[in-house]
Amino acid sequence: MTEYITISARIKKDLKKKIAKYRINISQLMRNAIEAEIERIEESELRKSLRKTGQIFAKIDMETITNLIREDRENR
């Protein structure tokens, strides 16, 4: 079962009135915004990690990789 916690935010009165006027589901809006921000950050971290990995692999020549794969297959 999923556990929930309560998060509060301080907003201006006129903003609160507009939220009520437009019947915005603030809980759903906050959940969606938080999830989207987390996803954006995680994707950014993954891109950085992939870039670093690519730089490491770029330093290894294809002949070395091919030889390592052949050696591994022969040892099985």
Protein backbone atom coordinates (compact mmCIF):
# COMPACT_ATOMS: atom_id res chain seq x y z
CA MET A 1 0.00 0.00 0.00
CA THR A 2 1.31 3.43 -0.94
CA GLU A 3 2.00 5.80 1.92
CA TYR A 4 1.39 9.52 1.57
CA ILE A 5 2.65 12.59 3.39
CA THR A 6 1.33 16.12 3.44
CA ILE A 7 3.24 18.98 1.85
CA SER A 8 2.19 22.58 2.28
CA ALA A 9 3.06 25.71 0.34
CA ARG A 10 2.59 29.38 1.05
CA ILE A 11 0.87 31.21 -1.82
CA LYS A 12 -0.66 34.65 -2.35
CA LYS A 13 -4.35 35.13 -1.56
CA ASP A 14 -5.24 36.15 -5.11
CA LEU A 15 -3.64 32.95 -6.41
CA LYS A 16 -5.71 30.89 -3.97
CA LYS A 17 -8.86 32.66 -5.20
CA LYS A 18 -7.99 31.84 -8.81
CA ILE A 19 -7.36 28.20 -7.89
CA ALA A 20 -10.85 28.05 -6.38
CA LYS A 21 -12.40 29.98 -9.28
CA TYR A 22 -11.00 27.60 -11.87
CA ARG A 23 -11.57 24.55 -9.66
CA ILE A 24 -7.98 23.42 -9.97
CA ASN A 25 -7.18 20.18 -8.20
CA ILE A 26 -4.11 21.51 -6.41
CA SER A 27 -3.11 18.12 -5.00
CA GLN A 28 -3.04 16.51 -8.43
CA LEU A 29 -1.31 19.55 -9.92
CA MET A 30 1.44 19.43 -7.28
CA ARG A 31 1.90 15.66 -7.66
CA ASN A 32 2.18 16.01 -11.44
CA ALA A 33 4.59 18.95 -11.21
CA ILE A 34 6.81 17.20 -8.67
CA GLU A 35 6.86 13.96 -10.68
CA ALA A 36 7.68 15.87 -13.89
CA GLU A 37 10.54 17.75 -12.20
CA ILE A 38 11.99 14.54 -10.75
CA GLU A 39 11.76 12.86 -14.16
CA ARG A 40 13.50 15.84 -15.79
CA ILE A 41 16.33 15.75 -13.24
CA GLU A 42 16.77 11.97 -13.53
CA GLU A 43 16.89 12.18 -17.33
CA SER A 44 19.51 14.92 -17.09
CA GLU A 45 21.63 12.81 -14.73
CA LEU A 46 21.29 9.82 -17.07
CA ARG A 47 22.38 11.91 -20.07
CA LYS A 48 25.48 13.08 -18.14
CA SER A 49 26.29 9.51 -17.16
CA LEU A 50 25.89 8.29 -20.74
CA ARG A 51 28.13 11.10 -21.99
CA LYS A 52 30.85 10.09 -19.52
CA THR A 53 30.48 6.43 -20.47
CA GLY A 54 30.71 7.34 -24.16
CA GLN A 55 33.90 9.28 -23.51
CA ILE A 56 35.41 6.28 -21.75
CA PHE A 57 34.44 3.89 -24.57
CA ALA A 58 35.75 6.33 -27.17
CA LYS A 59 39.22 5.89 -25.68
CA ILE A 60 39.13 2.11 -26.26
CA ASP A 61 39.81 1.02 -29.82
CA MET A 62 37.59 -1.54 -31.57
CA GLU A 63 40.40 -4.07 -31.91
CA THR A 64 40.83 -4.20 -28.12
CA ILE A 65 37.10 -4.67 -27.62
CA THR A 66 36.97 -7.41 -30.27
CA ASN A 67 39.90 -9.22 -28.69
CA LEU A 68 38.37 -9.04 -25.23
CA ILE A 69 35.07 -10.46 -26.51
CA ARG A 70 36.83 -13.30 -28.34
CA GLU A 71 38.93 -14.07 -25.27
CA ASP A 72 35.84 -14.15 -23.08
CA ARG A 73 34.02 -16.49 -25.48
CA GLU A 74 36.97 -18.85 -25.64
CA ASN A 75 37.12 -19.07 -21.84
CA ARG A 76 33.50 -20.25 -21.56
